[in-house]
Amino acid sequence: MLTMKRHTAAGTIIPSRFLATIAHIIASIMVFITKEGNIRHSLPLVTTQQSYSYVNKKLTVYIILSWFCFVVELFGFFSGITMFNGKANIIHSFLHAIATILISCFIIERWHFIVYLYIFSFCSIIPALIESCLIIKSFVFHVIRY
């Protein structure tokens, strides 16, 4: 006889957090690959090599910082420290999904390069800070929820 298994919120939010994070990582890799178009669209038609390299350096720093935030988040997630924290999972899933959509528009519509800073600030730094706080809380206060 077949029995229906009930799905719990934790059983669906953990995979959605993982998938949203991976989608955000892939989108940021795509920004790195296609950054030249956004840089050229941000600069005036007649520009110097110095201004191009300055903007290129700034955008590259933002992208690398977002990758560092991903490392912090994935460490907390795969170590199991924050994997079962429901509130953090919901926030991470929401912010990474929003970031993936915004980065896709950033690439397709060739938005100004400074827009990536706003996306990075809101959708990468906030989850990394939440993750860092939960990791520190876990190690300092020896609080691990499973």
C-alpha atoms as a PDB file:
ATOM      1  CA  MET A   1       0.000   0.000   0.000  1.00  0.00           C
ATOM      2  CA  LEU A   2       1.308   3.426  -0.929  1.00  0.00           C
ATOM      3  CA  THR A   3       1.526   6.047   1.735  1.00  0.00           C
ATOM      4  CA  MET A   4       1.788   9.747   1.113  1.00  0.00           C
ATOM      5  CA  LYS A   5       4.813  11.384   2.634  1.00  0.00           C
ATOM      6  CA  ARG A   6       4.246  14.874   3.928  1.00  0.00           C
ATOM      7  CA  HIS A   7       6.709  17.497   2.847  1.00  0.00           C
ATOM      8  CA  THR A   8       8.009  19.745   5.567  1.00  0.00           C
ATOM      9  CA  ALA A   9       9.101  23.335   5.184  1.00  0.00           C
ATOM     10  CA  ALA A  10      12.677  22.387   6.094  1.00  0.00           C
ATOM     11  CA  GLY A  11      12.631  19.696   3.429  1.00  0.00           C
ATOM     12  CA  THR A  12      11.846  22.241   0.730  1.00  0.00           C
ATOM     13  CA  ILE A  13      13.643  25.374   1.905  1.00  0.00           C
ATOM     14  CA  ILE A  14      17.081  23.743   2.221  1.00  0.00           C
ATOM     15  CA  PRO A  15      17.198  22.630  -1.437  1.00  0.00           C
ATOM     16  CA  SER A  16      15.778  25.967  -2.549  1.00  0.00           C
ATOM     17  CA  ARG A  17      18.519  27.800  -0.646  1.00  0.00           C
ATOM     18  CA  PHE A  18      21.143  25.615  -2.288  1.00  0.00           C
ATOM     19  CA  LEU A  19      19.709  26.105  -5.779  1.00  0.00           C
ATOM     20  CA  ALA A  20      19.271  29.861  -5.343  1.00  0.00           C
ATOM     21  CA  THR A  21      22.854  30.189  -4.097  1.00  0.00           C
ATOM     22  CA  ILE A  22      24.228  28.159  -7.003  1.00  0.00           C
ATOM     23  CA  ALA A  23      22.167  30.216  -9.473  1.00  0.00           C
ATOM     24  CA  HIS A  24      23.580  33.408  -7.941  1.00  0.00           C
ATOM     25  CA  ILE A  25      27.132  32.028  -8.214  1.00  0.00           C
ATOM     26  CA  ILE A  26      26.599  31.134 -11.872  1.00  0.00           C
ATOM     27  CA  ALA A  27      25.148  34.587 -12.557  1.00  0.00           C
ATOM     28  CA  SER A  28      28.155  36.287 -10.945  1.00  0.00           C
ATOM     29  CA  ILE A  29      30.495  34.127 -13.034  1.00  0.00           C
ATOM     30  CA  MET A  30      28.560  35.260 -16.088  1.00  0.00           C
ATOM     31  CA  VAL A  31      29.070  38.893 -15.031  1.00  0.00           C
ATOM     32  CA  PHE A  32      32.799  38.251 -14.855  1.00  0.00           C
ATOM     33  CA  ILE A  33      32.793  36.743 -18.342  1.00  0.00           C
ATOM     34  CA  THR A  34      30.647  39.481 -19.917  1.00  0.00           C
ATOM     35  CA  LYS A  35      31.839  42.487 -17.917  1.00  0.00           C
ATOM     36  CA  GLU A  36      33.391  44.195 -20.932  1.00  0.00           C
ATOM     37  CA  GLY A  37      29.976  45.001 -22.401  1.00  0.00           C
ATOM     38  CA  ASN A  38      28.759  46.582 -19.185  1.00  0.00           C
ATOM     39  CA  ILE A  39      31.959  48.578 -18.825  1.00  0.00           C
ATOM     40  CA  ARG A  40      31.831  49.866 -22.406  1.00  0.00           C
ATOM     41  CA  HIS A  41      28.179  50.784 -21.996  1.00  0.00           C
ATOM     42  CA  SER A  42      28.960  52.692 -18.779  1.00  0.00           C
ATOM     43  CA  LEU A  43      31.750  54.790 -20.255  1.00  0.00           C
ATOM     44  CA  PRO A  44      31.370  57.629 -22.781  1.00  0.00           C
ATOM     45  CA  LEU A  45      31.994  56.873 -26.452  1.00  0.00           C
ATOM     46  CA  VAL A  46      35.350  58.620 -26.371  1.00  0.00           C
ATOM     47  CA  THR A  47      37.245  57.368 -23.356  1.00  0.00           C
ATOM     48  CA  THR A  48      40.787  56.720 -22.270  1.00  0.00           C
ATOM     49  CA  GLN A  49      42.420  53.430 -21.465  1.00  0.00           C
ATOM     50  CA  GLN A  50      42.937  54.645 -17.896  1.00  0.00           C
ATOM     51  CA  SER A  51      39.242  55.172 -17.268  1.00  0.00           C
ATOM     52  CA  TYR A  52      38.448  51.786 -18.815  1.00  0.00           C
ATOM     53  CA  SER A  53      41.017  50.010 -16.649  1.00  0.00           C
ATOM     54  CA  TYR A  54      39.794  51.882 -13.543  1.00  0.00           C
ATOM     55  CA  VAL A  55      36.187  50.799 -14.096  1.00  0.00           C
ATOM     56  CA  ASN A  56      37.325  47.274 -15.000  1.00  0.00           C
ATOM     57  CA  LYS A  57      39.312  47.055 -11.774  1.00  0.00           C
ATOM     58  CA  LYS A  58      36.380  48.296  -9.680  1.00  0.00           C
ATOM     59  CA  LEU A  59      33.929  45.820 -11.201  1.00  0.00           C
ATOM     60  CA  THR A  60      36.422  42.975 -10.830  1.00  0.00           C
ATOM     61  CA  VAL A  61      36.880  43.805  -7.144  1.00  0.00           C
ATOM     62  CA  TYR A  62      33.107  43.749  -6.597  1.00  0.00           C
ATOM     63  CA  ILE A  63      32.827  40.379  -8.324  1.00  0.00           C
ATOM     64  CA  ILE A  64      35.704  38.853  -6.336  1.00  0.00           C
ATOM     65  CA  LEU A  65      34.232  40.159  -3.084  1.00  0.00           C
ATOM     66  CA  SER A  66      30.922  38.537  -3.969  1.00  0.00           C
ATOM     67  CA  TRP A  67      32.765  35.239  -4.551  1.00  0.00           C
ATOM     68  CA  PHE A  68      34.359  35.604  -1.121  1.00  0.00           C
ATOM     69  CA  CYS A  69      30.866  36.027   0.338  1.00  0.00           C
ATOM     70  CA  PHE A  70      29.823  32.815  -1.429  1.00  0.00           C
ATOM     71  CA  VAL A  71      32.746  30.960   0.165  1.00  0.00           C
ATOM     72  CA  VAL A  72      31.627  32.087   3.624  1.00  0.00           C
ATOM     73  CA  GLU A  73      28.031  31.098   2.924  1.00  0.00           C
ATOM     74  CA  LEU A  74      28.861  27.718   1.445  1.00  0.00           C
ATOM     75  CA  PHE A  75      31.186  26.946   4.351  1.00  0.00           C
ATOM     76  CA  GLY A  76      28.380  27.553   6.819  1.00  0.00           C
ATOM     77  CA  PHE A  77      25.900  25.652   4.695  1.00  0.00           C
ATOM     78  CA  PHE A  78      27.978  22.549   3.915  1.00  0.00           C
ATOM     79  CA  SER A  79      29.436  22.336   7.413  1.00  0.00           C
ATOM     80  CA  GLY A  80      25.869  22.017   8.684  1.00  0.00           C
ATOM     81  CA  ILE A  81      26.141  24.989  11.004  1.00  0.00           C
ATOM     82  CA  THR A  82      23.387  26.965   9.287  1.00  0.00           C
ATOM     83  CA  MET A  83      21.805  24.337   7.086  1.00  0.00           C
ATOM     84  CA  PHE A  84      18.837  23.791   9.382  1.00  0.00           C
ATOM     85  CA  ASN A  85      18.260  27.384  10.453  1.00  0.00           C
ATOM     86  CA  GLY A  86      14.864  28.091   8.908  1.00  0.00           C
ATOM     87  CA  LYS A  87      14.881  31.877   9.117  1.00  0.00           C
ATOM     88  CA  ALA A  88      18.364  32.160   7.646  1.00  0.00           C
ATOM     89  CA  ASN A  89      17.448  29.733   4.852  1.00  0.00           C
ATOM     90  CA  ILE A  90      14.415  31.809   3.894  1.00  0.00           C
ATOM     91  CA  ILE A  91      16.415  35.045   3.857  1.00  0.00           C
ATOM     92  CA  HIS A  92      19.225  33.449   1.848  1.00  0.00           C
ATOM     93  CA  SER A  93      16.827  31.913  -0.653  1.00  0.00           C
ATOM     94  CA  PHE A  94      14.952  35.163  -1.170  1.00  0.00           C
ATOM     95  CA  LEU A  95      18.036  37.374  -1.534  1.00  0.00           C
ATOM     96  CA  HIS A  96      19.861  34.964  -3.846  1.00  0.00           C
ATOM     97  CA  ALA A  97      16.794  34.545  -6.045  1.00  0.00           C
ATOM     98  CA  ILE A  98      16.397  38.331  -6.295  1.00  0.00           C
ATOM     99  CA  ALA A  99      20.116  38.675  -7.031  1.00  0.00           C
ATOM    100  CA  THR A 100      19.956  36.092  -9.803  1.00  0.00           C
ATOM    101  CA  ILE A 101      17.101  37.950 -11.480  1.00  0.00           C
ATOM    102  CA  LEU A 102      18.783  41.339 -11.110  1.00  0.00           C
ATOM    103  CA  ILE A 103      22.145  40.075 -12.350  1.00  0.00           C
ATOM    104  CA  SER A 104      20.459  38.500 -15.356  1.00  0.00           C
ATOM    105  CA  CYS A 105      18.914  41.872 -16.184  1.00  0.00           C
ATOM    106  CA  PHE A 106      22.295  43.515 -15.498  1.00  0.00           C
ATOM    107  CA  ILE A 107      23.927  41.309 -18.113  1.00  0.00           C
ATOM    108  CA  ILE A 108      21.174  41.322 -20.731  1.00  0.00           C
ATOM    109  CA  GLU A 109      20.307  45.008 -20.594  1.00  0.00           C
ATOM    110  CA  ARG A 110      23.923  46.178 -20.092  1.00  0.00           C
ATOM    111  CA  TRP A 111      23.225  48.241 -16.998  1.00  0.00           C
ATOM    112  CA  HIS A 112      25.771  50.676 -15.614  1.00  0.00           C
ATOM    113  CA  PHE A 113      28.561  48.885 -13.761  1.00  0.00           C
ATOM    114  CA  ILE A 114      27.794  50.638 -10.465  1.00  0.00           C
ATOM    115  CA  VAL A 115      24.447  48.801 -10.296  1.00  0.00           C
ATOM    116  CA  TYR A 116      26.414  45.635  -9.556  1.00  0.00           C
ATOM    117  CA  LEU A 117      27.679  47.333  -6.391  1.00  0.00           C
ATOM    118  CA  TYR A 118      24.093  47.781  -5.186  1.00  0.00           C
ATOM    119  CA  ILE A 119      23.186  44.200  -6.057  1.00  0.00           C
ATOM    120  CA  PHE A 120      26.357  43.002  -4.315  1.00  0.00           C
ATOM    121  CA  SER A 121      25.716  45.149  -1.244  1.00  0.00           C
ATOM    122  CA  PHE A 122      22.156  43.996  -0.752  1.00  0.00           C
ATOM    123  CA  CYS A 123      22.204  40.412  -2.006  1.00  0.00           C
ATOM    124  CA  SER A 124      25.719  39.182  -1.173  1.00  0.00           C
ATOM    125  CA  ILE A 125      26.931  41.088   1.870  1.00  0.00           C
ATOM    126  CA  ILE A 126      23.732  40.689   3.898  1.00  0.00           C
ATOM    127  CA  PRO A 127      23.608  36.867   3.551  1.00  0.00           C
ATOM    128  CA  ALA A 128      27.352  36.642   4.251  1.00  0.00           C
ATOM    129  CA  LEU A 129      26.952  38.750   7.395  1.00  0.00           C
ATOM    130  CA  ILE A 130      24.047  36.608   8.568  1.00  0.00           C
ATOM    131  CA  GLU A 131      26.092  33.495   7.875  1.00  0.00           C
ATOM    132  CA  SER A 132      29.133  34.898   9.686  1.00  0.00           C
ATOM    133  CA  CYS A 133      27.055  35.831  12.726  1.00  0.00           C
ATOM    134  CA  LEU A 134      25.542  32.357  12.877  1.00  0.00           C
ATOM    135  CA  ILE A 135      28.959  30.707  12.494  1.00  0.00           C
ATOM    136  CA  ILE A 136      30.451  32.889  15.236  1.00  0.00           C
ATOM    137  CA  LYS A 137      27.426  32.235  17.435  1.00  0.00           C
ATOM    138  CA  SER A 138      27.888  28.523  16.890  1.00  0.00           C
ATOM    139  CA  PHE A 139      31.584  28.493  17.758  1.00  0.00           C
ATOM    140  CA  VAL A 140      31.546  31.017  20.601  1.00  0.00           C
ATOM    141  CA  PHE A 141      28.382  29.895  22.350  1.00  0.00           C
ATOM    142  CA  HIS A 142      28.570  26.259  21.194  1.00  0.00           C
ATOM    143  CA  VAL A 143      25.032  26.486  19.853  1.00  0.00           C
ATOM    144  CA  ILE A 144      24.425  24.001  17.055  1.00  0.00           C
ATOM    145  CA  ARG A 145      20.856  23.298  15.978  1.00  0.00           C
ATOM    146  CA  TYR A 146      20.162  19.995  14.288  1.00  0.00           C
END
